[in-house]
Amino acid sequence: MTQVQINGSDTSTVHLLHIDLPARAIERFTTMAGTGEWPLKYGLGATKLSPAFVETVDLRDLGNMSLSQYLSEAYDLPPKALGSDRARVDGLDGHVVILPPQAFENTSQELHVNTPLSYIGGWSAAGAKGRSASIRSSGAKGQGSGGAPAAMGSLSKPIILALIGLAVFVAAVLALVL
């Protein structure tokens, strides 16, 4: 288990977690059920978590784009922010969860990250106000939020990227049908 302190007044830190589950189990784990059951929230040990701000990414969907580049473009994370963590972030496969500061509903809390989640790190824009999460785990020594944690910038960028992807998909389907 890895413990991560979330500062409720932090407006700049983006947290990244890897999910070690088969692809067929990802949606069930990351989606809140109609009954309110949410395995992701339980796996984080979070007291407050807003599903509207939780992003699950199948890294295969990024194509030739690296995860560090995606974080930079979608979350306004400066390219230098990941520092020495860049190779580790870009070396991930499978699925990841990205949690911008809004995901925690301005609530200070201590996450207790459990399997199948692995805390990769938290980063913010250089000079941003707020603090990085501190990791307290013998398994996390020398890993994680040693770099500067990430700025969230505009939430419209992930939406715009999704809409562009949808438009390309619709155009391809129309080209095949017509």
Protein backbone atom coordinates (compact mmCIF):
# COMPACT_ATOMS: atom_id res chain seq x y z
CA MET A 1 0.00 0.00 0.00
CA THR A 2 1.18 3.49 -0.87
CA GLN A 3 -0.06 6.52 1.05
CA VAL A 4 -0.44 9.84 -0.76
CA GLN A 5 -1.42 13.08 0.97
CA ILE A 6 -3.85 15.21 -1.06
CA ASN A 7 -3.98 18.91 -0.27
CA GLY A 8 -7.56 20.14 -0.79
CA SER A 9 -6.40 23.63 -1.72
CA ASP A 10 -3.97 22.36 -4.38
CA THR A 11 -5.05 23.48 -7.85
CA SER A 12 -2.11 22.25 -9.88
CA THR A 13 -1.17 18.64 -9.12
CA VAL A 14 -2.14 15.88 -11.53
CA HIS A 15 -1.78 12.34 -10.18
CA LEU A 16 -1.07 9.29 -12.33
CA LEU A 17 -1.82 5.69 -11.37
CA HIS A 18 -1.33 2.45 -13.28
CA ILE A 19 -4.07 -0.20 -13.22
CA ASP A 20 -2.88 -3.81 -13.24
CA LEU A 21 -6.03 -5.56 -14.47
CA PRO A 22 -7.01 -7.37 -17.67
CA ALA A 23 -8.54 -5.04 -20.25
CA ARG A 24 -11.96 -6.67 -19.84
CA ALA A 25 -12.04 -5.68 -16.13
CA ILE A 26 -11.02 -2.02 -16.51
CA GLU A 27 -14.45 -0.53 -17.15
CA ARG A 28 -16.03 -2.31 -14.18
CA PHE A 29 -13.20 -1.15 -11.92
CA THR A 30 -13.15 2.49 -13.04
CA THR A 31 -16.88 3.18 -13.48
CA MET A 32 -19.21 4.04 -10.61
CA ALA A 33 -22.16 1.64 -10.56
CA GLY A 34 -25.72 2.88 -10.30
CA THR A 35 -25.70 1.57 -6.73
CA GLY A 36 -22.82 3.88 -5.85
CA GLU A 37 -20.25 1.07 -5.73
CA TRP A 38 -16.97 2.25 -7.19
CA PRO A 39 -13.94 -0.08 -6.98
CA LEU A 40 -11.57 2.71 -8.10
CA LYS A 41 -12.56 4.92 -5.17
CA TYR A 42 -12.12 1.98 -2.77
CA GLY A 43 -8.75 1.08 -4.34
CA LEU A 44 -7.59 4.65 -3.74
CA GLY A 45 -9.00 4.76 -0.23
CA ALA A 46 -10.42 8.18 -1.17
CA THR A 47 -13.05 9.89 0.94
CA LYS A 48 -14.08 12.24 -1.91
CA LEU A 49 -13.65 11.55 -5.61
CA SER A 50 -15.61 13.10 -8.48
CA PRO A 51 -16.21 10.72 -11.41
CA ALA A 52 -16.53 13.71 -13.76
CA PHE A 53 -12.81 14.46 -13.40
CA VAL A 54 -11.39 10.92 -13.42
CA GLU A 55 -9.82 9.94 -16.73
CA THR A 56 -9.02 6.35 -17.60
CA VAL A 57 -6.68 5.95 -20.58
CA ASP A 58 -5.97 2.79 -22.56
CA LEU A 59 -2.40 3.59 -23.58
CA ARG A 60 -2.89 1.79 -26.90
CA ASP A 61 -5.43 4.50 -27.80
CA LEU A 62 -2.66 7.11 -27.76
CA GLY A 63 -1.14 5.55 -30.89
CA ASN A 64 2.28 7.10 -31.51
CA MET A 65 1.78 9.74 -28.80
CA SER A 66 3.69 9.06 -25.59
CA LEU A 67 1.91 9.32 -22.25
CA SER A 68 4.21 12.18 -21.23
CA GLN A 69 3.23 14.06 -24.39
CA TYR A 70 -0.45 13.40 -23.68
CA LEU A 71 -0.07 14.72 -20.12
CA SER A 72 1.68 17.78 -21.52
CA GLU A 73 -0.99 18.53 -24.11
CA ALA A 74 -4.16 17.50 -22.26
CA TYR A 75 -3.22 18.80 -18.80
CA ASP A 76 -0.83 21.68 -19.64
CA LEU A 77 2.02 19.83 -17.98
CA PRO A 78 5.29 21.45 -19.06
CA PRO A 79 7.56 18.96 -20.84
CA LYS A 80 10.25 19.41 -18.15
CA ALA A 81 7.82 18.76 -15.25
CA LEU A 82 8.17 14.98 -15.35
CA GLY A 83 11.94 15.26 -15.09
CA SER A 84 13.53 11.89 -14.35
CA ASP A 85 10.08 10.21 -14.22
CA ARG A 86 9.53 10.66 -17.99
CA ALA A 87 11.06 7.32 -19.03
CA ARG A 88 9.10 5.44 -16.37
CA VAL A 89 5.84 7.17 -17.37
CA ASP A 90 6.44 6.50 -21.07
CA GLY A 91 7.34 2.88 -20.29
CA LEU A 92 3.91 2.07 -18.86
CA ASP A 93 1.51 -0.18 -20.75
CA GLY A 94 -2.10 -1.17 -20.32
CA HIS A 95 -4.34 1.37 -18.58
CA VAL A 96 -3.73 4.39 -16.39
CA VAL A 97 -5.93 6.69 -14.34
CA ILE A 98 -5.28 10.43 -14.41
CA LEU A 99 -6.60 12.45 -11.47
CA PRO A 100 -6.45 16.25 -11.79
CA PRO A 101 -6.91 18.29 -8.59
CA GLN A 102 -10.63 18.78 -9.28
CA ALA A 103 -11.15 15.02 -8.89
CA PHE A 104 -10.70 15.40 -5.12
CA GLU A 105 -13.45 18.03 -4.73
CA ASN A 106 -11.17 20.44 -2.81
CA THR A 107 -10.95 17.90 0.02
CA SER A 108 -7.72 17.25 1.87
CA GLN A 109 -7.37 13.52 2.36
CA GLU A 110 -4.88 10.72 2.59
CA LEU A 111 -5.12 8.16 -0.17
CA HIS A 112 -4.28 4.55 0.65
CA VAL A 113 -3.48 3.20 -2.82
CA ASN A 114 -3.97 -0.56 -2.99
CA THR A 115 -3.68 -3.28 -5.62
CA PRO A 116 -4.53 -3.31 -8.52
CA LEU A 117 -3.49 0.36 -8.51
CA SER A 118 0.12 1.56 -8.46
CA TYR A 119 0.87 5.19 -7.74
CA ILE A 120 3.22 6.51 -10.43
CA GLY A 121 3.47 10.14 -9.33
CA GLY A 122 2.03 13.61 -9.11
CA TRP A 123 3.35 16.62 -11.01
CA SER A 124 2.49 20.30 -11.40
CA ALA A 125 3.55 23.24 -13.48
CA ALA A 126 6.80 24.88 -12.44
CA GLY A 127 6.07 27.66 -10.01
CA ALA A 128 2.45 26.59 -9.53
CA LYS A 129 0.89 27.11 -6.14
CA GLY A 130 0.02 24.03 -4.17
CA ARG A 131 2.13 21.15 -3.11
CA SER A 132 2.98 17.77 -4.46
CA ALA A 133 1.66 14.65 -2.82
CA SER A 134 4.07 13.00 -0.44
CA ILE A 135 4.53 9.26 -0.73
CA ARG A 136 5.12 7.16 2.34
CA SER A 137 5.89 3.63 1.25
CA SER A 138 9.04 1.57 1.36
CA GLY A 139 8.19 0.30 -2.15
CA ALA A 140 7.94 3.85 -3.46
CA LYS A 141 11.34 5.07 -2.27
CA GLY A 142 13.11 6.87 -5.05
CA GLN A 143 9.93 6.90 -7.16
CA GLY A 144 6.88 9.02 -7.67
CA SER A 145 6.53 12.68 -6.94
CA GLY A 146 10.19 13.54 -6.87
CA GLY A 147 9.57 15.81 -9.84
CA ALA A 148 7.46 18.89 -9.87
CA PRO A 149 3.74 17.88 -9.94
CA ALA A 150 1.32 18.99 -13.02
CA ALA A 151 -0.86 22.00 -13.81
CA MET A 152 -4.41 21.27 -14.78
CA GLY A 153 -4.95 24.17 -17.09
CA SER A 154 -8.15 23.86 -19.08
CA LEU A 155 -10.43 20.85 -18.83
CA SER A 156 -11.64 21.61 -22.33
CA LYS A 157 -8.47 20.18 -23.89
CA PRO A 158 -9.32 16.52 -23.12
CA ILE A 159 -12.83 17.17 -24.40
CA ILE A 160 -11.51 18.80 -27.58
CA LEU A 161 -9.12 15.89 -28.14
CA ALA A 162 -11.99 13.44 -27.67
CA LEU A 163 -14.19 15.38 -30.12
CA ILE A 164 -11.42 15.49 -32.72
CA GLY A 165 -10.95 11.74 -32.33
CA LEU A 166 -14.70 11.21 -32.68
CA ALA A 167 -14.81 13.40 -35.80
CA VAL A 168 -11.96 11.42 -37.39
CA PHE A 169 -13.72 8.16 -36.54
CA VAL A 170 -17.05 9.35 -38.01
CA ALA A 171 -15.29 10.58 -41.16
CA ALA A 172 -13.57 7.19 -41.57
CA VAL A 173 -16.84 5.31 -41.13
CA LEU A 174 -18.59 7.60 -43.63
CA ALA A 175 -15.76 7.12 -46.11
CA LEU A 176 -16.17 3.35 -45.84
CA VAL A 177 -19.97 3.47 -46.13
CA LEU A 178 -20.09 5.91 -49.03
